[in-house]
Amino acid sequence: MNQEQKKIDPTKLPDDEISVPTGETPVSQSGESPEEKTPEFSSQPSADEELKLLKDQLLRVLAESENVRKRAQREKEDASRFAIANFARDLLTVADNLTRALENIPSDTREENDPLKAIVEGIKITERELNNVLERHGVKKISPLGEQFDHNYHQAMFEEEHTEYQPGQVTQVLQTGYVLNDRLLRPALVGVAKSKSAG
């Protein structure tokens, strides 16, 4: 009894010497009790499920490939149809100048002056041939006098009251418009009839 009993620090004992009080669940060093551990099962798909998955992936790849092919074909066709757009747009200035030249020569002066009359005929032939060339390449005129105003193809420059045309109809064409294969190349500049003011 006189000898001092050695105090034992349980934290310094090996794991296998630590006693567990009766009725308590032993806990591992990871903090999980044996009952909490759940066995891991591999969830690999069956052969049928894997085959179905592969078929679905194949169909998706084929559909995407077909969409890409169609899009490329469409872009190729558009490039072919509209490749001359910038060139055609530049030629429209030539067509405008030929038209202005004819409009600025008085008709009575043409008849009195034979050389001038020959020049006018030459301008008309040139203008006609240019329009034929443009049409052969899909460029067509928009001259909508008397038609209903369409913002897709016309650009209104002014509105005016008019006795001959209904409100919304084109009363004047200041500049001819053009389309290239049904795509707008240049809008027609027009005047539009408006409703008569009351009173």
N, C-alpha and C. Protein backbone atom coordinates (compact mmCIF):
# COMPACT_ATOMS: atom_id res chain seq x y z
N MET A 1 0.83 -1.19 0.00
CA MET A 1 0.00 0.00 0.00
C MET A 1 0.86 1.24 0.00
N ASN A 2 2.11 1.08 0.60
CA ASN A 2 2.97 2.25 0.65
C ASN A 2 3.50 2.60 -0.73
N GLN A 3 3.58 1.58 -1.56
CA GLN A 3 4.08 1.88 -2.91
C GLN A 3 3.03 2.63 -3.71
N GLU A 4 3.51 3.65 -4.40
CA GLU A 4 2.56 4.42 -5.23
C GLU A 4 2.18 3.60 -6.46
N GLN A 5 0.89 3.56 -6.68
CA GLN A 5 0.42 2.84 -7.87
C GLN A 5 0.63 3.72 -9.11
N LYS A 6 1.11 3.11 -10.15
CA LYS A 6 1.36 3.85 -11.40
C LYS A 6 0.04 4.15 -12.10
N LYS A 7 -0.09 5.40 -12.42
CA LYS A 7 -1.30 5.80 -13.19
C LYS A 7 -1.06 5.47 -14.65
N ILE A 8 -2.06 4.85 -15.25
CA ILE A 8 -1.96 4.44 -16.65
C ILE A 8 -2.76 5.40 -17.52
N ASP A 9 -2.09 5.94 -18.52
CA ASP A 9 -2.77 6.84 -19.47
C ASP A 9 -3.31 5.99 -20.61
N PRO A 10 -4.64 5.88 -20.69
CA PRO A 10 -5.21 5.00 -21.73
C PRO A 10 -4.85 5.43 -23.14
N THR A 11 -4.54 6.70 -23.34
CA THR A 11 -4.22 7.17 -24.71
C THR A 11 -2.89 6.65 -25.19
N LYS A 12 -2.05 6.18 -24.22
CA LYS A 12 -0.73 5.69 -24.61
C LYS A 12 -0.68 4.18 -24.75
N LEU A 13 -1.78 3.55 -24.56
CA LEU A 13 -1.84 2.11 -24.70
C LEU A 13 -2.00 1.74 -26.17
N PRO A 14 -1.53 0.61 -26.58
CA PRO A 14 -1.80 0.15 -27.96
C PRO A 14 -3.28 -0.04 -28.15
N ASP A 15 -3.70 0.02 -29.47
CA ASP A 15 -5.13 -0.08 -29.78
C ASP A 15 -5.74 -1.36 -29.26
N ASP A 16 -4.98 -2.46 -29.30
CA ASP A 16 -5.58 -3.73 -28.90
C ASP A 16 -5.71 -3.86 -27.39
N GLU A 17 -5.13 -2.93 -26.64
CA GLU A 17 -5.24 -3.01 -25.18
C GLU A 17 -6.30 -2.07 -24.63
N ILE A 18 -6.89 -1.24 -25.50
CA ILE A 18 -7.94 -0.33 -25.02
C ILE A 18 -9.21 -1.13 -24.84
N SER A 19 -9.71 -1.10 -23.66
CA SER A 19 -10.94 -1.85 -23.36
C SER A 19 -12.13 -0.99 -23.70
N VAL A 20 -13.16 -1.66 -24.15
CA VAL A 20 -14.40 -0.97 -24.50
C VAL A 20 -15.44 -1.32 -23.48
N PRO A 21 -16.06 -0.31 -22.88
CA PRO A 21 -17.11 -0.62 -21.88
C PRO A 21 -18.20 -1.45 -22.51
N THR A 22 -18.74 -2.36 -21.68
CA THR A 22 -19.79 -3.25 -22.14
C THR A 22 -21.02 -2.45 -22.53
N GLY A 23 -21.69 -2.84 -23.64
CA GLY A 23 -22.91 -2.17 -24.07
C GLY A 23 -22.67 -1.04 -25.06
N GLU A 24 -21.41 -0.64 -25.30
CA GLU A 24 -21.13 0.43 -26.26
C GLU A 24 -20.55 -0.17 -27.54
N THR A 25 -20.87 0.44 -28.62
CA THR A 25 -20.41 -0.04 -29.92
C THR A 25 -19.01 0.46 -30.17
N PRO A 26 -18.10 -0.42 -30.49
CA PRO A 26 -16.74 0.03 -30.76
C PRO A 26 -16.69 0.89 -32.00
N VAL A 27 -15.84 1.90 -31.94
CA VAL A 27 -15.71 2.83 -33.05
C VAL A 27 -14.31 2.71 -33.61
N SER A 28 -14.20 2.62 -34.93
CA SER A 28 -12.89 2.51 -35.54
C SER A 28 -12.24 3.88 -35.59
N GLN A 29 -10.97 3.92 -35.94
CA GLN A 29 -10.25 5.18 -35.98
C GLN A 29 -10.80 6.12 -37.04
N SER A 30 -11.46 5.60 -38.06
CA SER A 30 -12.05 6.46 -39.09
C SER A 30 -13.32 7.13 -38.61
N GLY A 31 -13.84 6.72 -37.45
CA GLY A 31 -15.06 7.33 -36.92
C GLY A 31 -16.31 6.59 -37.29
N GLU A 32 -16.22 5.47 -37.99
CA GLU A 32 -17.40 4.72 -38.41
C GLU A 32 -17.48 3.44 -37.59
N SER A 33 -18.68 3.11 -37.19
CA SER A 33 -18.90 1.84 -36.50
C SER A 33 -19.03 0.75 -37.53
N PRO A 34 -18.77 -0.47 -37.19
CA PRO A 34 -18.86 -1.57 -38.18
C PRO A 34 -20.22 -1.65 -38.83
N GLU A 35 -21.29 -1.31 -38.06
CA GLU A 35 -22.65 -1.43 -38.63
C GLU A 35 -22.90 -0.38 -39.71
N GLU A 36 -22.13 0.78 -39.62
CA GLU A 36 -22.38 1.85 -40.57
C GLU A 36 -21.74 1.58 -41.93
N LYS A 37 -20.82 0.67 -41.99
CA LYS A 37 -20.17 0.37 -43.26
C LYS A 37 -21.11 -0.41 -44.16
N THR A 38 -21.30 0.14 -45.37
CA THR A 38 -22.18 -0.54 -46.33
C THR A 38 -21.32 -1.11 -47.43
N PRO A 39 -21.59 -2.31 -47.79
CA PRO A 39 -20.78 -2.91 -48.85
C PRO A 39 -21.00 -2.21 -50.18
N GLU A 40 -19.95 -2.02 -50.97
CA GLU A 40 -20.05 -1.37 -52.27
C GLU A 40 -20.25 -2.42 -53.35
N PHE A 41 -21.34 -2.19 -54.14
CA PHE A 41 -21.65 -3.12 -55.23
C PHE A 41 -21.37 -2.42 -56.55
N SER A 42 -20.77 -3.05 -57.48
CA SER A 42 -20.51 -2.48 -58.81
C SER A 42 -21.81 -2.47 -59.60
N SER A 43 -22.14 -1.26 -60.16
CA SER A 43 -23.40 -1.11 -60.91
C SER A 43 -23.10 -1.07 -62.40
N GLN A 44 -22.56 -2.07 -62.96
CA GLN A 44 -22.28 -2.16 -64.38
C GLN A 44 -23.55 -2.54 -65.12
N PRO A 45 -23.82 -1.83 -66.28
CA PRO A 45 -25.04 -2.14 -67.03
C PRO A 45 -24.95 -3.54 -67.64
N SER A 46 -26.14 -4.09 -67.84
CA SER A 46 -26.19 -5.41 -68.48
C SER A 46 -25.85 -5.28 -69.96
N ALA A 47 -25.70 -6.40 -70.61
CA ALA A 47 -25.35 -6.39 -72.04
C ALA A 47 -26.44 -5.72 -72.87
N ASP A 48 -27.73 -5.97 -72.54
CA ASP A 48 -28.85 -5.36 -73.28
C ASP A 48 -28.86 -3.85 -73.09
N GLU A 49 -28.64 -3.43 -71.84
CA GLU A 49 -28.64 -1.99 -71.56
C GLU A 49 -27.48 -1.30 -72.27
N GLU A 50 -26.33 -1.94 -72.29
CA GLU A 50 -25.17 -1.36 -72.96
C GLU A 50 -25.39 -1.28 -74.46
N LEU A 51 -26.03 -2.31 -75.02
CA LEU A 51 -26.34 -2.30 -76.45
C LEU A 51 -27.32 -1.18 -76.79
N LYS A 52 -28.33 -0.99 -75.94
CA LYS A 52 -29.31 0.07 -76.16
C LYS A 52 -28.65 1.44 -76.08
N LEU A 53 -27.73 1.60 -75.13
CA LEU A 53 -27.01 2.87 -74.98
C LEU A 53 -26.15 3.16 -76.21
N LEU A 54 -25.46 2.14 -76.70
CA LEU A 54 -24.62 2.31 -77.88
C LEU A 54 -25.45 2.66 -79.11
N LYS A 55 -26.63 2.02 -79.25
CA LYS A 55 -27.52 2.33 -80.38
C LYS A 55 -27.98 3.79 -80.32
N ASP A 56 -28.33 4.24 -79.12
CA ASP A 56 -28.79 5.62 -78.93
C ASP A 56 -27.68 6.60 -79.30
N GLN A 57 -26.47 6.31 -78.85
CA GLN A 57 -25.33 7.18 -79.17
C GLN A 57 -25.06 7.21 -80.67
N LEU A 58 -25.17 6.05 -81.31
CA LEU A 58 -24.95 5.97 -82.75
C LEU A 58 -25.98 6.79 -83.52
N LEU A 59 -27.25 6.69 -83.11
CA LEU A 59 -28.32 7.44 -83.78
C LEU A 59 -28.09 8.95 -83.62
N ARG A 60 -27.64 9.35 -82.45
CA ARG A 60 -27.38 10.77 -82.23
C ARG A 60 -26.23 11.27 -83.12
N VAL A 61 -25.19 10.47 -83.22
CA VAL A 61 -24.04 10.84 -84.06
C VAL A 61 -24.46 10.93 -85.52
N LEU A 62 -25.28 9.98 -85.98
CA LEU A 62 -25.74 9.98 -87.37
C LEU A 62 -26.62 11.20 -87.65
N ALA A 63 -27.51 11.52 -86.70
CA ALA A 63 -28.38 12.69 -86.88
C ALA A 63 -27.57 13.98 -86.94
N GLU A 64 -26.60 14.10 -86.06
CA GLU A 64 -25.75 15.30 -86.06
C GLU A 64 -24.94 15.40 -87.34
N SER A 65 -24.45 14.25 -87.82
CA SER A 65 -23.68 14.23 -89.06
C SER A 65 -24.54 14.67 -90.24
N GLU A 66 -25.80 14.23 -90.26
CA GLU A 66 -26.72 14.61 -91.35
C GLU A 66 -27.04 16.09 -91.30
N ASN A 67 -27.20 16.63 -90.09
CA ASN A 67 -27.47 18.07 -89.94
C ASN A 67 -26.29 18.89 -90.45
N VAL A 68 -25.08 18.45 -90.11
CA VAL A 68 -23.88 19.16 -90.56
C VAL A 68 -23.78 19.11 -92.08
N ARG A 69 -24.10 17.95 -92.67
CA ARG A 69 -24.03 17.81 -94.14
C ARG A 69 -25.03 18.74 -94.82
N LYS A 70 -26.28 18.77 -94.28
CA LYS A 70 -27.30 19.63 -94.88
C LYS A 70 -26.94 21.10 -94.74
N ARG A 71 -26.40 21.47 -93.57
CA ARG A 71 -26.01 22.87 -93.36
C ARG A 71 -24.89 23.27 -94.31
N ALA A 72 -23.92 22.38 -94.51
CA ALA A 72 -22.81 22.67 -95.43
C ALA A 72 -23.31 22.80 -96.87
N GLN A 73 -24.26 21.94 -97.24
CA GLN A 73 -24.83 21.99 -98.59
C GLN A 73 -25.59 23.30 -98.80
N ARG A 74 -26.35 23.71 -97.77
CA ARG A 74 -27.11 24.95 -97.85
C ARG A 74 -26.18 26.17 -97.96
N GLU A 75 -25.10 26.16 -97.17
CA GLU A 75 -24.14 27.26 -97.22
C GLU A 75 -23.44 27.32 -98.57
N LYS A 76 -23.17 26.14 -99.13
CA LYS A 76 -22.53 26.08 -100.45
C LYS A 76 -23.45 26.67 -101.52
N GLU A 77 -24.74 26.31 -101.45
CA GLU A 77 -25.70 26.83 -102.43
C GLU A 77 -25.87 28.34 -102.28
N ASP A 78 -25.94 28.82 -101.03
CA ASP A 78 -26.07 30.26 -100.81
C ASP A 78 -24.85 31.01 -101.32
N ALA A 79 -23.67 30.44 -101.08
CA ALA A 79 -22.44 31.08 -101.55
C ALA A 79 -22.43 31.18 -103.07
N SER A 80 -22.95 30.13 -103.71
CA SER A 80 -22.99 30.13 -105.17
C SER A 80 -24.01 31.14 -105.70
N ARG A 81 -25.16 31.23 -105.02
CA ARG A 81 -26.24 32.11 -105.50
C ARG A 81 -25.95 33.58 -105.23
N PHE A 82 -25.25 33.87 -104.13
CA PHE A 82 -25.09 35.26 -103.72
C PHE A 82 -23.63 35.73 -103.76
N ALA A 83 -22.77 34.96 -104.42
CA ALA A 83 -21.35 35.33 -104.47
C ALA A 83 -21.13 36.64 -105.22
N ILE A 84 -21.99 36.96 -106.17
CA ILE A 84 -21.80 38.16 -106.99
C ILE A 84 -22.50 39.38 -106.39
N ALA A 85 -22.98 39.29 -105.16
CA ALA A 85 -23.77 40.38 -104.58
C ALA A 85 -23.02 41.71 -104.61
N ASN A 86 -21.78 41.73 -104.14
CA ASN A 86 -21.03 42.99 -104.11
C ASN A 86 -20.76 43.52 -105.51
N PHE A 87 -20.40 42.61 -106.42
CA PHE A 87 -20.15 43.03 -107.80
C PHE A 87 -21.42 43.59 -108.44
N ALA A 88 -22.54 42.89 -108.24
CA ALA A 88 -23.81 43.34 -108.81
C ALA A 88 -24.22 44.69 -108.23
N ARG A 89 -23.99 44.87 -106.93
CA ARG A 89 -24.35 46.14 -106.28
C ARG A 89 -23.56 47.30 -106.89
N ASP A 90 -22.30 47.05 -107.23
CA ASP A 90 -21.49 48.10 -107.87
C ASP A 90 -22.01 48.41 -109.28
N LEU A 91 -22.51 47.41 -109.99
CA LEU A 91 -23.02 47.63 -111.34
C LEU A 91 -24.31 48.45 -111.35
N LEU A 92 -25.01 48.45 -110.23
CA LEU A 92 -26.27 49.20 -110.17
C LEU A 92 -26.03 50.69 -110.37
N THR A 93 -24.88 51.17 -109.94
CA THR A 93 -24.54 52.58 -110.15
C THR A 93 -24.44 52.89 -111.64
N VAL A 94 -23.90 51.95 -112.40
CA VAL A 94 -23.81 52.13 -113.87
C VAL A 94 -25.21 52.19 -114.46
N ALA A 95 -26.08 51.29 -114.01
CA ALA A 95 -27.46 51.30 -114.51
C ALA A 95 -28.17 52.61 -114.17
N ASP A 96 -27.93 53.11 -112.95
CA ASP A 96 -28.55 54.39 -112.54
C ASP A 96 -28.07 55.53 -113.44
N ASN A 97 -26.78 55.56 -113.73
CA ASN A 97 -26.23 56.64 -114.56
C ASN A 97 -26.78 56.61 -115.99
N LEU A 98 -26.96 55.41 -116.53
CA LEU A 98 -27.54 55.31 -117.87
C LEU A 98 -28.98 55.82 -117.87
N THR A 99 -29.73 55.50 -116.83
CA THR A 99 -31.11 55.97 -116.73
C THR A 99 -31.15 57.49 -116.60
N ARG A 100 -30.27 58.05 -115.78
CA ARG A 100 -30.23 59.51 -115.61
C ARG A 100 -29.87 60.20 -116.92
N ALA A 101 -28.94 59.60 -117.66
CA ALA A 101 -28.54 60.19 -118.95
C ALA A 101 -29.73 60.30 -119.89
N LEU A 102 -30.55 59.26 -119.93
CA LEU A 102 -31.73 59.28 -120.81
C LEU A 102 -32.77 60.29 -120.32
N GLU A 103 -32.94 60.38 -119.00
CA GLU A 103 -33.95 61.28 -118.44
C GLU A 103 -33.57 62.75 -118.63
N ASN A 104 -32.28 63.05 -118.73
CA ASN A 104 -31.82 64.45 -118.81
C ASN A 104 -31.72 64.98 -120.24
N ILE A 105 -32.07 64.13 -121.19
CA ILE A 105 -32.07 64.59 -122.59
C ILE A 105 -33.53 64.81 -123.00
N PRO A 106 -33.94 66.04 -123.23
CA PRO A 106 -35.34 66.31 -123.60
C PRO A 106 -35.73 65.56 -124.87
N SER A 107 -36.94 65.05 -124.87
CA SER A 107 -37.39 64.24 -126.01
C SER A 107 -37.47 65.04 -127.29
N ASP A 108 -37.89 66.33 -127.22
CA ASP A 108 -38.00 67.13 -128.44
C ASP A 108 -36.63 67.41 -129.04
N THR A 109 -35.61 67.57 -128.17
CA THR A 109 -34.24 67.81 -128.66
C THR A 109 -33.71 66.57 -129.38
N ARG A 110 -34.10 65.40 -128.90
CA ARG A 110 -33.64 64.16 -129.54
C ARG A 110 -34.09 64.11 -131.00
N GLU A 111 -35.36 64.50 -131.22
CA GLU A 111 -35.93 64.38 -132.56
C GLU A 111 -35.30 65.38 -133.53
N GLU A 112 -34.91 66.54 -133.01
CA GLU A 112 -34.37 67.59 -133.87
C GLU A 112 -32.90 67.36 -134.21
N ASN A 113 -32.20 66.61 -133.38
CA ASN A 113 -30.76 66.46 -133.55
C ASN A 113 -30.46 64.98 -133.83
N ASP A 114 -30.10 64.69 -135.08
CA ASP A 114 -29.86 63.30 -135.47
C ASP A 114 -28.68 62.66 -134.73
N PRO A 115 -27.53 63.35 -134.58
CA PRO A 115 -26.42 62.74 -133.82
C PRO A 115 -26.82 62.45 -132.37
N LEU A 116 -27.57 63.38 -131.76
CA LEU A 116 -28.01 63.18 -130.37
C LEU A 116 -29.00 62.01 -130.30
N LYS A 117 -29.82 61.90 -131.32
CA LYS A 117 -30.77 60.80 -131.36
C LYS A 117 -30.05 59.46 -131.42
N ALA A 118 -28.94 59.40 -132.18
CA ALA A 118 -28.16 58.17 -132.29
C ALA A 118 -27.51 57.84 -130.94
N ILE A 119 -27.05 58.89 -130.24
CA ILE A 119 -26.44 58.67 -128.93
C ILE A 119 -27.48 58.10 -127.95
N VAL A 120 -28.68 58.67 -127.99
CA VAL A 120 -29.75 58.20 -127.11
C VAL A 120 -30.07 56.73 -127.40
N GLU A 121 -30.13 56.37 -128.66
CA GLU A 121 -30.39 54.98 -129.02
C GLU A 121 -29.27 54.07 -128.51
N GLY A 122 -28.04 54.54 -128.60
CA GLY A 122 -26.92 53.75 -128.10
C GLY A 122 -27.00 53.55 -126.58
N ILE A 123 -27.40 54.62 -125.87
CA ILE A 123 -27.56 54.51 -124.41
C ILE A 123 -28.67 53.53 -124.06
N LYS A 124 -29.76 53.60 -124.80
CA LYS A 124 -30.90 52.68 -124.54
C LYS A 124 -30.47 51.23 -124.75
N ILE A 125 -29.72 50.98 -125.84
CA ILE A 125 -29.27 49.61 -126.11
C ILE A 125 -28.34 49.13 -125.00
N THR A 126 -27.45 50.00 -124.57
CA THR A 126 -26.50 49.65 -123.49
C THR A 126 -27.25 49.36 -122.19
N GLU A 127 -28.22 50.21 -121.88
CA GLU A 127 -29.01 50.00 -120.66
C GLU A 127 -29.79 48.69 -120.72
N ARG A 128 -30.39 48.42 -121.87
CA ARG A 128 -31.17 47.19 -122.04
C ARG A 128 -30.27 45.96 -121.91
N GLU A 129 -29.08 46.02 -122.52
CA GLU A 129 -28.16 44.88 -122.44
C GLU A 129 -27.66 44.66 -121.02
N LEU A 130 -27.38 45.75 -120.32
CA LEU A 130 -26.94 45.63 -118.92
C LEU A 130 -28.02 44.99 -118.06
N ASN A 131 -29.26 45.41 -118.26
CA ASN A 131 -30.37 44.81 -117.49
C ASN A 131 -30.54 43.33 -117.82
N ASN A 132 -30.34 42.96 -119.08
CA ASN A 132 -30.43 41.55 -119.46
C ASN A 132 -29.34 40.72 -118.79
N VAL A 133 -28.12 41.28 -118.74
CA VAL A 133 -27.01 40.57 -118.08
C VAL A 133 -27.30 40.39 -116.60
N LEU A 134 -27.79 41.44 -115.97
CA LEU A 134 -28.12 41.35 -114.55
C LEU A 134 -29.20 40.29 -114.29
N GLU A 135 -30.22 40.28 -115.14
CA GLU A 135 -31.30 39.31 -114.97
C GLU A 135 -30.82 37.88 -115.16
N ARG A 136 -29.91 37.67 -116.09
CA ARG A 136 -29.37 36.33 -116.31
C ARG A 136 -28.65 35.80 -115.07
N HIS A 137 -28.15 36.71 -114.25
CA HIS A 137 -27.44 36.32 -113.03
C HIS A 137 -28.31 36.49 -111.78
N GLY A 138 -29.62 36.58 -111.98
CA GLY A 138 -30.55 36.59 -110.85
C GLY A 138 -30.87 37.95 -110.26
N VAL A 139 -30.38 39.04 -110.90
CA VAL A 139 -30.64 40.40 -110.40
C VAL A 139 -31.85 40.97 -111.14
N LYS A 140 -32.89 41.32 -110.36
CA LYS A 140 -34.12 41.84 -110.97
C LYS A 140 -34.50 43.18 -110.35
N LYS A 141 -35.18 43.99 -111.16
CA LYS A 141 -35.59 45.33 -110.73
C LYS A 141 -36.80 45.27 -109.80
N ILE A 142 -36.84 46.27 -108.90
CA ILE A 142 -38.05 46.52 -108.10
C ILE A 142 -38.52 47.92 -108.47
N SER A 143 -39.62 47.99 -109.20
CA SER A 143 -40.20 49.28 -109.57
C SER A 143 -41.66 49.29 -109.16
N PRO A 144 -41.93 49.62 -107.89
CA PRO A 144 -43.25 49.35 -107.30
C PRO A 144 -44.29 50.46 -107.42
N LEU A 145 -44.25 51.25 -108.47
CA LEU A 145 -45.20 52.34 -108.62
C LEU A 145 -46.64 51.81 -108.56
N GLY A 146 -47.44 52.37 -107.67
CA GLY A 146 -48.84 51.96 -107.53
C GLY A 146 -49.05 50.75 -106.64
N GLU A 147 -47.97 50.10 -106.22
CA GLU A 147 -48.10 48.94 -105.33
C GLU A 147 -48.19 49.39 -103.87
N GLN A 148 -48.62 48.45 -103.03
CA GLN A 148 -48.67 48.73 -101.60
C GLN A 148 -47.25 48.78 -101.04
N PHE A 149 -47.00 49.75 -100.17
CA PHE A 149 -45.66 49.89 -99.59
C PHE A 149 -45.28 48.64 -98.80
N ASP A 150 -44.08 48.14 -99.03
CA ASP A 150 -43.56 46.96 -98.34
C ASP A 150 -42.19 47.30 -97.77
N HIS A 151 -42.11 47.38 -96.43
CA HIS A 151 -40.85 47.80 -95.81
C HIS A 151 -39.72 46.80 -96.05
N ASN A 152 -40.04 45.59 -96.51
CA ASN A 152 -39.00 44.61 -96.81
C ASN A 152 -38.23 44.94 -98.09
N TYR A 153 -38.90 45.68 -98.99
CA TYR A 153 -38.28 45.97 -100.28
C TYR A 153 -38.25 47.46 -100.63
N HIS A 154 -39.00 48.27 -99.88
CA HIS A 154 -39.09 49.70 -100.20
C HIS A 154 -38.60 50.53 -99.02
N GLN A 155 -38.06 51.71 -99.34
CA GLN A 155 -37.67 52.67 -98.31
C GLN A 155 -38.40 53.97 -98.59
N ALA A 156 -39.29 54.36 -97.67
CA ALA A 156 -40.10 55.56 -97.86
C ALA A 156 -39.25 56.80 -97.62
N MET A 157 -39.26 57.72 -98.57
CA MET A 157 -38.52 58.97 -98.45
C MET A 157 -39.43 60.12 -98.02
N PHE A 158 -40.70 60.03 -98.35
CA PHE A 158 -41.67 61.06 -97.94
C PHE A 158 -43.08 60.50 -98.08
N GLU A 159 -44.04 61.21 -97.48
CA GLU A 159 -45.46 60.89 -97.63
C GLU A 159 -46.16 62.11 -98.25
N GLU A 160 -47.19 61.85 -99.03
CA GLU A 160 -47.93 62.94 -99.66
C GLU A 160 -49.38 62.53 -99.87
N GLU A 161 -50.24 63.54 -99.80
CA GLU A 161 -51.65 63.29 -100.12
C GLU A 161 -51.77 63.15 -101.63
N HIS A 162 -52.57 62.18 -102.05
CA HIS A 162 -52.66 61.90 -103.48
C HIS A 162 -54.08 61.49 -103.83
N THR A 163 -54.57 62.02 -104.94
CA THR A 163 -55.94 61.70 -105.36
C THR A 163 -55.99 60.40 -106.18
N GLU A 164 -54.87 60.03 -106.79
CA GLU A 164 -54.87 58.85 -107.67
C GLU A 164 -54.58 57.56 -106.91
N TYR A 165 -53.84 57.65 -105.82
CA TYR A 165 -53.43 56.46 -105.08
C TYR A 165 -54.06 56.40 -103.70
N GLN A 166 -54.30 55.19 -103.24
CA GLN A 166 -54.83 54.98 -101.90
C GLN A 166 -53.72 55.13 -100.86
N PRO A 167 -54.09 55.47 -99.61
CA PRO A 167 -53.08 55.56 -98.55
C PRO A 167 -52.27 54.26 -98.44
N GLY A 168 -50.95 54.41 -98.37
CA GLY A 168 -50.08 53.24 -98.27
C GLY A 168 -49.54 52.77 -99.60
N GLN A 169 -50.05 53.33 -100.71
CA GLN A 169 -49.54 52.95 -102.03
C GLN A 169 -48.36 53.83 -102.42
N VAL A 170 -47.49 53.28 -103.27
CA VAL A 170 -46.31 54.01 -103.74
C VAL A 170 -46.72 54.98 -104.84
N THR A 171 -46.44 56.27 -104.63
CA THR A 171 -46.82 57.30 -105.59
C THR A 171 -45.67 57.69 -106.53
N GLN A 172 -44.44 57.53 -106.06
CA GLN A 172 -43.26 57.86 -106.87
C GLN A 172 -42.14 56.88 -106.56
N VAL A 173 -41.34 56.59 -107.59
CA VAL A 173 -40.14 55.78 -107.40
C VAL A 173 -38.95 56.67 -107.71
N LEU A 174 -38.24 57.07 -106.63
CA LEU A 174 -37.10 57.97 -106.80
C LEU A 174 -35.85 57.21 -107.27
N GLN A 175 -35.73 55.98 -106.83
CA GLN A 175 -34.61 55.14 -107.25
C GLN A 175 -35.08 53.69 -107.31
N THR A 176 -34.81 53.04 -108.43
CA THR A 176 -35.22 51.65 -108.61
C THR A 176 -34.49 50.75 -107.64
N GLY A 177 -35.21 49.78 -107.08
CA GLY A 177 -34.59 48.79 -106.20
C GLY A 177 -34.25 47.52 -106.97
N TYR A 178 -33.47 46.66 -106.34
CA TYR A 178 -33.07 45.41 -106.99
C TYR A 178 -33.04 44.28 -105.97
N VAL A 179 -33.34 43.07 -106.44
CA VAL A 179 -33.19 41.87 -105.62
C VAL A 179 -32.25 40.91 -106.34
N LEU A 180 -31.53 40.11 -105.56
CA LEU A 180 -30.66 39.07 -106.11
C LEU A 180 -31.18 37.73 -105.64
N ASN A 181 -31.77 36.97 -106.58
CA ASN A 181 -32.38 35.67 -106.23
C ASN A 181 -33.31 35.81 -105.03
N ASP A 182 -34.21 36.79 -105.11
CA ASP A 182 -35.23 37.05 -104.09
C ASP A 182 -34.65 37.60 -102.78
N ARG A 183 -33.37 37.87 -102.72
CA ARG A 183 -32.78 38.53 -101.54
C ARG A 183 -32.54 39.99 -101.90
N LEU A 184 -32.94 40.88 -100.99
CA LEU A 184 -32.84 42.31 -101.27
C LEU A 184 -31.38 42.72 -101.51
N LEU A 185 -31.16 43.37 -102.67
CA LEU A 185 -29.84 43.88 -102.99
C LEU A 185 -29.78 45.38 -102.70
N ARG A 186 -30.87 46.08 -103.06
CA ARG A 186 -30.99 47.51 -102.76
C ARG A 186 -32.47 47.87 -102.72
N PRO A 187 -32.93 48.55 -101.66
CA PRO A 187 -34.36 48.89 -101.59
C PRO A 187 -34.72 49.98 -102.59
N ALA A 188 -35.96 49.97 -103.02
CA ALA A 188 -36.45 51.05 -103.88
C ALA A 188 -36.77 52.26 -103.01
N LEU A 189 -36.29 53.43 -103.41
CA LEU A 189 -36.58 54.68 -102.69
C LEU A 189 -37.88 55.25 -103.26
N VAL A 190 -38.89 55.40 -102.39
CA VAL A 190 -40.23 55.71 -102.89
C VAL A 190 -40.90 56.82 -102.07
N GLY A 191 -41.91 57.41 -102.68
CA GLY A 191 -42.85 58.28 -102.00
C GLY A 191 -44.14 57.50 -101.78
N VAL A 192 -44.81 57.76 -100.66
CA VAL A 192 -45.98 56.97 -100.28
C VAL A 192 -47.18 57.88 -100.05
N ALA A 193 -48.34 57.45 -100.50
CA ALA A 193 -49.57 58.21 -100.29
C ALA A 193 -50.00 58.09 -98.82
N LYS A 194 -50.45 59.19 -98.25
CA LYS A 194 -50.93 59.18 -96.88
C LYS A 194 -52.41 59.53 -96.84
N SER A 195 -53.04 59.30 -95.70
CA SER A 195 -54.46 59.61 -95.56
C SER A 195 -54.67 61.10 -95.62
N LYS A 196 -55.80 61.50 -96.22
CA LYS A 196 -56.10 62.91 -96.32
C LYS A 196 -56.41 63.46 -94.93
N SER A 197 -55.88 64.65 -94.67
CA SER A 197 -56.15 65.27 -93.37
C SER A 197 -57.59 65.71 -93.29
N ALA A 198 -58.16 65.58 -92.09
CA ALA A 198 -59.57 65.95 -91.90
C ALA A 198 -59.75 67.44 -92.09
N GLY A 199 -60.91 67.82 -92.64
CA GLY A 199 -61.24 69.22 -92.80
C GLY A 199 -60.76 69.68 -94.15
